[in-house]
PDB file of N, CA and C in Angstrom:
ATOM      1  N   UNK A   1       0.813  -1.196   0.000  1.00  0.00           N
ATOM      2  CA  UNK A   1       0.000   0.000   0.000  1.00  0.00           C
ATOM      3  C   UNK A   1       0.853   1.254   0.000  1.00  0.00           C
ATOM      4  N   UNK A   2       1.942   1.217   0.749  1.00  0.00           N
ATOM      5  CA  UNK A   2       2.828   2.378   0.798  1.00  0.00           C
ATOM      6  C   UNK A   2       3.489   2.628  -0.554  1.00  0.00           C
ATOM      7  N   UNK A   3       3.786   1.559  -1.267  1.00  0.00           N
ATOM      8  CA  UNK A   3       4.440   1.739  -2.570  1.00  0.00           C
ATOM      9  C   UNK A   3       3.496   2.394  -3.580  1.00  0.00           C
ATOM     10  N   UNK A   4       2.208   2.109  -3.466  1.00  0.00           N
ATOM     11  CA  UNK A   4       1.234   2.723  -4.370  1.00  0.00           C
ATOM     12  C   UNK A   4       1.124   4.216  -4.087  1.00  0.00           C
ATOM     13  N   UNK A   5       1.083   4.584  -2.803  1.00  0.00           N
ATOM     14  CA  UNK A   5       1.005   5.992  -2.420  1.00  0.00           C
ATOM     15  C   UNK A   5       2.270   6.720  -2.860  1.00  0.00           C
ATOM     16  N   UNK A   6       3.408   6.094  -2.668  1.00  0.00           N
ATOM     17  CA  UNK A   6       4.674   6.696  -3.095  1.00  0.00           C
ATOM     18  C   UNK A   6       4.681   6.887  -4.608  1.00  0.00           C
ATOM     19  N   UNK A   7       4.217   5.909  -5.330  1.00  0.00           N
ATOM     20  CA  UNK A   7       4.156   5.993  -6.794  1.00  0.00           C
ATOM     21  C   UNK A   7       3.204   7.109  -7.233  1.00  0.00           C
ATOM     22  N   UNK A   8       2.080   7.257  -6.564  1.00  0.00           N
ATOM     23  CA  UNK A   8       1.133   8.322  -6.899  1.00  0.00           C
ATOM     24  C   UNK A   8       1.723   9.706  -6.621  1.00  0.00           C
ATOM     25  N   UNK A   9       2.435   9.834  -5.509  1.00  0.00           N
ATOM     26  CA  UNK A   9       3.055  11.121  -5.181  1.00  0.00           C
ATOM     27  C   UNK A   9       4.126  11.470  -6.202  1.00  0.00           C
ATOM     28  N   UNK A  10       4.951  10.496  -6.559  1.00  0.00           N
ATOM     29  CA  UNK A  10       6.002  10.732  -7.545  1.00  0.00           C
ATOM     30  C   UNK A  10       5.401  11.098  -8.898  1.00  0.00           C
ATOM     31  N   UNK A  11       4.349  10.408  -9.297  1.00  0.00           N
ATOM     32  CA  UNK A  11       3.740  10.707 -10.596  1.00  0.00           C
ATOM     33  C   UNK A  11       3.063  12.080 -10.577  1.00  0.00           C
ATOM     34  N   UNK A  12       2.440  12.458  -9.459  1.00  0.00           N
ATOM     35  CA  UNK A  12       1.815  13.782  -9.365  1.00  0.00           C
ATOM     36  C   UNK A  12       2.868  14.877  -9.424  1.00  0.00           C
ATOM     37  N   UNK A  13       3.985  14.699  -8.735  1.00  0.00           N
ATOM     38  CA  UNK A  13       5.063  15.688  -8.794  1.00  0.00           C
ATOM     39  C   UNK A  13       5.665  15.768 -10.191  1.00  0.00           C
ATOM     40  N   UNK A  14       5.791  14.632 -10.846  1.00  0.00           N
ATOM     41  CA  UNK A  14       6.323  14.622 -12.218  1.00  0.00           C
ATOM     42  C   UNK A  14       5.391  15.357 -13.171  1.00  0.00           C
ATOM     43  N   UNK A  15       4.100  15.139 -13.026  1.00  0.00           N
ATOM     44  CA  UNK A  15       3.141  15.823 -13.893  1.00  0.00           C
ATOM     45  C   UNK A  15       3.148  17.321 -13.641  1.00  0.00           C
ATOM     46  N   UNK A  16       3.286  17.739 -12.387  1.00  0.00           N
ATOM     47  CA  UNK A  16       3.358  19.160 -12.070  1.00  0.00           C
ATOM     48  C   UNK A  16       4.617  19.783 -12.664  1.00  0.00           C
ATOM     49  N   UNK A  17       5.738  19.082 -12.588  1.00  0.00           N
ATOM     50  CA  UNK A  17       6.985  19.586 -13.154  1.00  0.00           C
ATOM     51  C   UNK A  17       6.894  19.703 -14.675  1.00  0.00           C
ATOM     52  N   UNK A  18       6.307  18.719 -15.310  1.00  0.00           N
ATOM     53  CA  UNK A  18       6.147  18.766 -16.773  1.00  0.00           C
ATOM     54  C   UNK A  18       5.252  19.933 -17.171  1.00  0.00           C
ATOM     55  N   UNK A  19       4.203  20.159 -16.398  1.00  0.00           N
ATOM     56  CA  UNK A  19       3.300  21.282 -16.701  1.00  0.00           C
ATOM     57  C   UNK A  19       4.013  22.622 -16.541  1.00  0.00           C
ATOM     58  N   UNK A  20       4.845  22.752 -15.521  1.00  0.00           N
ATOM     59  CA  UNK A  20       5.589  23.989 -15.328  1.00  0.00           C
ATOM     60  C   UNK A  20       6.610  24.220 -16.428  1.00  0.00           C
ATOM     61  N   UNK A  21       7.210  23.155 -16.926  1.00  0.00           N
ATOM     62  CA  UNK A  21       8.203  23.290 -17.990  1.00  0.00           C
ATOM     63  C   UNK A  21       7.556  23.503 -19.355  1.00  0.00           C
ATOM     64  N   UNK A  22       6.306  23.101 -19.515  1.00  0.00           N
ATOM     65  CA  UNK A  22       5.633  23.233 -20.805  1.00  0.00           C
ATOM     66  C   UNK A  22       5.244  24.679 -21.088  1.00  0.00           C
ATOM     67  N   UNK A  23       4.998  25.481 -20.059  1.00  0.00           N
ATOM     68  CA  UNK A  23       4.572  26.864 -20.265  1.00  0.00           C
ATOM     69  C   UNK A  23       5.616  27.694 -21.007  1.00  0.00           C
ATOM     70  N   UNK A  24       6.900  27.681 -20.605  1.00  0.00           N
ATOM     71  CA  UNK A  24       7.881  28.445 -21.383  1.00  0.00           C
ATOM     72  C   UNK A  24       8.035  27.929 -22.810  1.00  0.00           C
ATOM     73  N   UNK A  25       7.860  26.625 -23.009  1.00  0.00           N
ATOM     74  CA  UNK A  25       7.964  26.085 -24.364  1.00  0.00           C
ATOM     75  C   UNK A  25       6.808  26.581 -25.232  1.00  0.00           C
ATOM     76  N   UNK A  26       5.619  26.700 -24.645  1.00  0.00           N
ATOM     77  CA  UNK A  26       4.489  27.239 -25.393  1.00  0.00           C
ATOM     78  C   UNK A  26       4.727  28.699 -25.761  1.00  0.00           C
ATOM     79  N   UNK A  27       5.268  29.465 -24.820  1.00  0.00           N
ATOM     80  CA  UNK A  27       5.557  30.869 -25.108  1.00  0.00           C
ATOM     81  C   UNK A  27       6.639  31.002 -26.173  1.00  0.00           C
ATOM     82  N   UNK A  28       7.641  30.136 -26.123  1.00  0.00           N
ATOM     83  CA  UNK A  28       8.696  30.152 -27.134  1.00  0.00           C
ATOM     84  C   UNK A  28       8.135  29.789 -28.503  1.00  0.00           C
ATOM     85  N   UNK A  29       7.263  28.796 -28.552  1.00  0.00           N
ATOM     86  CA  UNK A  29       6.652  28.414 -29.826  1.00  0.00           C
ATOM     87  C   UNK A  29       5.803  29.558 -30.385  1.00  0.00           C
ATOM     88  N   UNK A  30       5.085  30.254 -29.509  1.00  0.00           N
ATOM     89  CA  UNK A  30       4.276  31.390 -29.952  1.00  0.00           C
ATOM     90  C   UNK A  30       5.157  32.505 -30.491  1.00  0.00           C
ATOM     91  N   UNK A  31       6.280  32.755 -29.824  1.00  0.00           N
ATOM     92  CA  UNK A  31       7.216  33.777 -30.294  1.00  0.00           C
ATOM     93  C   UNK A  31       7.795  33.413 -31.652  1.00  0.00           C
ATOM     94  N   UNK A  32       8.121  32.146 -31.859  1.00  0.00           N
ATOM     95  CA  UNK A  32       8.683  31.703 -33.138  1.00  0.00           C
ATOM     96  C   UNK A  32       7.641  31.841 -34.246  1.00  0.00           C
ATOM     97  N   UNK A  33       6.409  31.478 -33.968  1.00  0.00           N
ATOM     98  CA  UNK A  33       5.355  31.572 -34.991  1.00  0.00           C
ATOM     99  C   UNK A  33       5.097  33.032 -35.360  1.00  0.00           C
ATOM    100  N   UNK A  34       4.998  33.899 -34.366  1.00  0.00           N
ATOM    101  CA  UNK A  34       4.755  35.314 -34.643  1.00  0.00           C
ATOM    102  C   UNK A  34       5.940  35.952 -35.365  1.00  0.00           C
ATOM    103  N   UNK A  35       7.146  35.565 -35.004  1.00  0.00           N
ATOM    104  CA  UNK A  35       8.320  36.098 -35.696  1.00  0.00           C
ATOM    105  C   UNK A  35       8.354  35.624 -37.142  1.00  0.00           C
ATOM    106  N   UNK A  36       7.957  34.391 -37.374  1.00  0.00           N
ATOM    107  CA  UNK A  36       7.880  33.888 -38.747  1.00  0.00           C
ATOM    108  C   UNK A  36       6.876  34.664 -39.573  1.00  0.00           C
ATOM    109  N   UNK A  37       5.746  34.992 -38.974  1.00  0.00           N
ATOM    110  CA  UNK A  37       4.747  35.802 -39.681  1.00  0.00           C
ATOM    111  C   UNK A  37       5.268  37.218 -39.935  1.00  0.00           C
ATOM    112  N   UNK A  38       5.995  37.771 -38.957  1.00  0.00           N
ATOM    113  CA  UNK A  38       6.602  39.090 -39.149  1.00  0.00           C
ATOM    114  C   UNK A  38       7.620  39.070 -40.271  1.00  0.00           C
ATOM    115  N   UNK A  39       8.437  38.013 -40.332  1.00  0.00           N
ATOM    116  CA  UNK A  39       9.409  37.877 -41.414  1.00  0.00           C
ATOM    117  C   UNK A  39       8.697  37.786 -42.758  1.00  0.00           C
ATOM    118  N   UNK A  40       7.634  37.006 -42.805  1.00  0.00           N
ATOM    119  CA  UNK A  40       6.893  36.846 -44.050  1.00  0.00           C
ATOM    120  C   UNK A  40       6.303  38.178 -44.514  1.00  0.00           C
ATOM    121  N   UNK A  41       5.757  38.953 -43.585  1.00  0.00           N
ATOM    122  CA  UNK A  41       5.195  40.262 -43.948  1.00  0.00           C
ATOM    123  C   UNK A  41       6.273  41.210 -44.459  1.00  0.00           C
ATOM    124  N   UNK A  42       7.413  41.233 -43.780  1.00  0.00           N
ATOM    125  CA  UNK A  42       8.506  42.106 -44.236  1.00  0.00           C
ATOM    126  C   UNK A  42       9.031  41.652 -45.593  1.00  0.00           C
ATOM    127  N   UNK A  43       9.139  40.359 -45.796  1.00  0.00           N
ATOM    128  CA  UNK A  43       9.625  39.836 -47.076  1.00  0.00           C
ATOM    129  C   UNK A  43       8.657  40.197 -48.200  1.00  0.00           C
ATOM    130  N   UNK A  44       7.358  40.034 -47.943  1.00  0.00           N
ATOM    131  CA  UNK A  44       6.367  40.381 -48.962  1.00  0.00           C
ATOM    132  C   UNK A  44       6.398  41.872 -49.271  1.00  0.00           C
ATOM    133  N   UNK A  45       6.549  42.688 -48.254  1.00  0.00           N
ATOM    134  CA  UNK A  45       6.628  44.134 -48.468  1.00  0.00           C
ATOM    135  C   UNK A  45       7.867  44.487 -49.288  1.00  0.00           C
ATOM    136  N   UNK A  46       8.972  43.818 -49.029  1.00  0.00           N
ATOM    137  CA  UNK A  46      10.200  44.106 -49.774  1.00  0.00           C
ATOM    138  C   UNK A  46      10.145  43.574 -51.205  1.00  0.00           C
ATOM    139  N   UNK A  47       9.361  42.531 -51.449  1.00  0.00           N
ATOM    140  CA  UNK A  47       9.267  42.033 -52.831  1.00  0.00           C
ATOM    141  C   UNK A  47       8.478  42.984 -53.717  1.00  0.00           C
ATOM    142  N   UNK A  48       7.567  43.740 -53.139  1.00  0.00           N
ATOM    143  CA  UNK A  48       6.816  44.716 -53.928  1.00  0.00           C
ATOM    144  C   UNK A  48       7.385  46.115 -53.758  1.00  0.00           C
ATOM    145  N   UNK A  49       8.598  46.230 -53.242  1.00  0.00           N
ATOM    146  CA  UNK A  49       9.189  47.551 -53.003  1.00  0.00           C
ATOM    147  C   UNK A  49       9.454  48.306 -54.299  1.00  0.00           C
ATOM    148  N   UNK A  50       9.577  47.603 -55.416  1.00  0.00           N
ATOM    149  CA  UNK A  50       9.760  48.294 -56.693  1.00  0.00           C
ATOM    150  C   UNK A  50       8.511  49.103 -57.047  1.00  0.00           C
ATOM    151  N   UNK A  51       7.349  48.617 -56.623  1.00  0.00           N
ATOM    152  CA  UNK A  51       6.100  49.320 -56.903  1.00  0.00           C
ATOM    153  C   UNK A  51       5.774  50.358 -55.842  1.00  0.00           C
ATOM    154  N   UNK A  52       6.103  50.050 -54.594  1.00  0.00           N
ATOM    155  CA  UNK A  52       5.720  50.941 -53.498  1.00  0.00           C
ATOM    156  C   UNK A  52       6.810  51.933 -53.131  1.00  0.00           C
ATOM    157  N   UNK A  53       8.055  51.591 -53.389  1.00  0.00           N
ATOM    158  CA  UNK A  53       9.160  52.454 -53.018  1.00  0.00           C
ATOM    159  C   UNK A  53       9.545  52.342 -51.554  1.00  0.00           C
ATOM    160  N   UNK A  54       8.932  51.410 -50.839  1.00  0.00           N
ATOM    161  CA  UNK A  54       9.212  51.231 -49.412  1.00  0.00           C
ATOM    162  C   UNK A  54      10.050  49.977 -49.241  1.00  0.00           C
ATOM    163  N   UNK A  55      11.238  50.135 -48.700  1.00  0.00           N
ATOM    164  CA  UNK A  55      12.099  48.993 -48.394  1.00  0.00           C
ATOM    165  C   UNK A  55      12.412  49.024 -46.913  1.00  0.00           C
ATOM    166  N   UNK A  56      12.147  47.923 -46.235  1.00  0.00           N
ATOM    167  CA  UNK A  56      12.435  47.808 -44.809  1.00  0.00           C
ATOM    168  C   UNK A  56      13.485  46.726 -44.598  1.00  0.00           C
ATOM    169  N   UNK A  57      14.477  47.003 -43.793  1.00  0.00           N
ATOM    170  CA  UNK A  57      15.502  45.988 -43.558  1.00  0.00           C
ATOM    171  C   UNK A  57      14.916  44.790 -42.807  1.00  0.00           C
ATOM    172  N   UNK A  58      15.419  43.622 -43.140  1.00  0.00           N
ATOM    173  CA  UNK A  58      14.976  42.403 -42.467  1.00  0.00           C
ATOM    174  C   UNK A  58      16.121  41.943 -41.575  1.00  0.00           C
ATOM    175  N   UNK A  59      15.991  42.204 -40.291  1.00  0.00           N
ATOM    176  CA  UNK A  59      16.951  41.722 -39.311  1.00  0.00           C
ATOM    177  C   UNK A  59      16.177  41.263 -38.083  1.00  0.00           C
ATOM    178  N   UNK A  60      16.883  40.800 -37.064  1.00  0.00           N
ATOM    179  CA  UNK A  60      16.209  40.231 -35.899  1.00  0.00           C
ATOM    180  C   UNK A  60      15.297  41.243 -35.215  1.00  0.00           C
ATOM    181  N   UNK A  61      15.747  42.487 -35.090  1.00  0.00           N
ATOM    182  CA  UNK A  61      14.945  43.493 -34.395  1.00  0.00           C
ATOM    183  C   UNK A  61      13.657  43.799 -35.158  1.00  0.00           C
ATOM    184  N   UNK A  62      13.756  43.998 -36.457  1.00  0.00           N
ATOM    185  CA  UNK A  62      12.552  44.333 -37.223  1.00  0.00           C
ATOM    186  C   UNK A  62      11.599  43.142 -37.309  1.00  0.00           C
ATOM    187  N   UNK A  63      12.141  41.935 -37.388  1.00  0.00           N
ATOM    188  CA  UNK A  63      11.283  40.748 -37.431  1.00  0.00           C
ATOM    189  C   UNK A  63      10.533  40.592 -36.116  1.00  0.00           C
ATOM    190  N   UNK A  64      11.206  40.787 -34.976  1.00  0.00           N
ATOM    191  CA  UNK A  64      10.530  40.668 -33.681  1.00  0.00           C
ATOM    192  C   UNK A  64       9.490  41.770 -33.498  1.00  0.00           C
ATOM    193  N   UNK A  65       9.799  42.989 -33.933  1.00  0.00           N
ATOM    194  CA  UNK A  65       8.833  44.082 -33.821  1.00  0.00           C
ATOM    195  C   UNK A  65       7.619  43.804 -34.694  1.00  0.00           C
ATOM    196  N   UNK A  66       7.853  43.377 -35.928  1.00  0.00           N
ATOM    197  CA  UNK A  66       6.740  43.077 -36.827  1.00  0.00           C
ATOM    198  C   UNK A  66       5.936  41.883 -36.322  1.00  0.00           C
ATOM    199  N   UNK A  67       6.605  40.897 -35.746  1.00  0.00           N
ATOM    200  CA  UNK A  67       5.893  39.740 -35.217  1.00  0.00           C
ATOM    201  C   UNK A  67       5.118  40.051 -33.963  1.00  0.00           C
ATOM    202  N   UNK A  68       5.663  40.890 -33.099  1.00  0.00           N
ATOM    203  CA  UNK A  68       5.021  41.197 -31.825  1.00  0.00           C
ATOM    204  C   UNK A  68       3.895  42.216 -31.994  1.00  0.00           C
ATOM    205  N   UNK A  69       4.127  43.255 -32.798  1.00  0.00           N
ATOM    206  CA  UNK A  69       3.139  44.318 -32.945  1.00  0.00           C
ATOM    207  C   UNK A  69       2.247  44.177 -34.177  1.00  0.00           C
ATOM    208  N   UNK A  70       2.649  43.347 -35.125  1.00  0.00           N
ATOM    209  CA  UNK A  70       1.832  43.129 -36.322  1.00  0.00           C
ATOM    210  C   UNK A  70       1.945  44.279 -37.304  1.00  0.00           C
ATOM    211  N   UNK A  71       0.834  44.597 -37.957  1.00  0.00           N
ATOM    212  CA  UNK A  71       0.805  45.650 -38.968  1.00  0.00           C
ATOM    213  C   UNK A  71       1.184  47.016 -38.380  1.00  0.00           C
ATOM    214  N   UNK A  72       0.715  47.376 -37.179  1.00  0.00           N
ATOM    215  CA  UNK A  72       1.183  48.644 -36.609  1.00  0.00           C
ATOM    216  C   UNK A  72       2.698  48.658 -36.383  1.00  0.00           C
ATOM    217  N   UNK A  73       3.278  47.513 -36.073  1.00  0.00           N
ATOM    218  CA  UNK A  73       4.728  47.438 -35.910  1.00  0.00           C
ATOM    219  C   UNK A  73       5.456  47.701 -37.205  1.00  0.00           C
ATOM    220  N   UNK A  74       4.921  47.192 -38.303  1.00  0.00           N
ATOM    221  CA  UNK A  74       5.519  47.456 -39.608  1.00  0.00           C
ATOM    222  C   UNK A  74       5.405  48.937 -39.933  1.00  0.00           C
ATOM    223  N   UNK A  75       4.284  49.545 -39.551  1.00  0.00           N
ATOM    224  CA  UNK A  75       4.130  50.979 -39.750  1.00  0.00           C
ATOM    225  C   UNK A  75       5.140  51.782 -38.955  1.00  0.00           C
ATOM    226  N   UNK A  76       5.413  51.368 -37.727  1.00  0.00           N
ATOM    227  CA  UNK A  76       6.407  52.044 -36.898  1.00  0.00           C
ATOM    228  C   UNK A  76       7.795  51.912 -37.511  1.00  0.00           C
ATOM    229  N   UNK A  77       8.117  50.721 -38.004  1.00  0.00           N
ATOM    230  CA  UNK A  77       9.415  50.506 -38.642  1.00  0.00           C
ATOM    231  C   UNK A  77       9.537  51.386 -39.882  1.00  0.00           C
ATOM    232  N   UNK A  78       8.451  51.482 -40.663  1.00  0.00           N
ATOM    233  CA  UNK A  78       8.463  52.335 -41.858  1.00  0.00           C
ATOM    234  C   UNK A  78       8.660  53.799 -41.489  1.00  0.00           C
ATOM    235  N   UNK A  79       8.014  54.243 -40.417  1.00  0.00           N
ATOM    236  CA  UNK A  79       8.196  55.634 -39.990  1.00  0.00           C
ATOM    237  C   UNK A  79       9.609  55.902 -39.516  1.00  0.00           C
ATOM    238  N   UNK A  80      10.217  54.912 -38.885  1.00  0.00           N
ATOM    239  CA  UNK A  80      11.606  55.090 -38.419  1.00  0.00           C
ATOM    240  C   UNK A  80      12.602  55.105 -39.579  1.00  0.00           C
ATOM    241  N   UNK A  81      12.238  54.521 -40.705  1.00  0.00           N
ATOM    242  CA  UNK A  81      13.133  54.472 -41.861  1.00  0.00           C
ATOM    243  C   UNK A  81      13.043  55.711 -42.737  1.00  0.00           C
ATOM    244  N   UNK A  82      12.084  56.596 -42.494  1.00  0.00           N
ATOM    245  CA  UNK A  82      11.952  57.813 -43.278  1.00  0.00           C
ATOM    246  C   UNK A  82      13.138  58.709 -42.976  1.00  0.00           C
ATOM    247  N   UNK A  83      13.877  59.135 -44.004  1.00  0.00           N
ATOM    248  CA  UNK A  83      15.040  60.007 -43.738  1.00  0.00           C
ATOM    249  C   UNK A  83      14.599  61.395 -43.288  1.00  0.00           C
ATOM    250  N   UNK A  84      15.417  62.010 -42.470  1.00  0.00           N
ATOM    251  CA  UNK A  84      15.087  63.355 -41.950  1.00  0.00           C
ATOM    252  C   UNK A  84      15.367  64.411 -42.985  1.00  0.00           C
TER     253      UNK A  84
END
């Protein structure tokens, strides 16, 4: 009987630990997906830059901003690229 209780306690602690470790992995996966979408938006904007005249650099900072903020983030990046 004691071995069953010990096994249940160990399995409950293991499940709690797995759940705690899964949260950062979910956040990391969400960040990767949003950054990929930001990269795709910047790439599409740069492919039509011959027609629009707007070219935005594609680097880690702009990809994260575009992924995190979306279309308004791309607008902010475009405003920052306007020469004075």
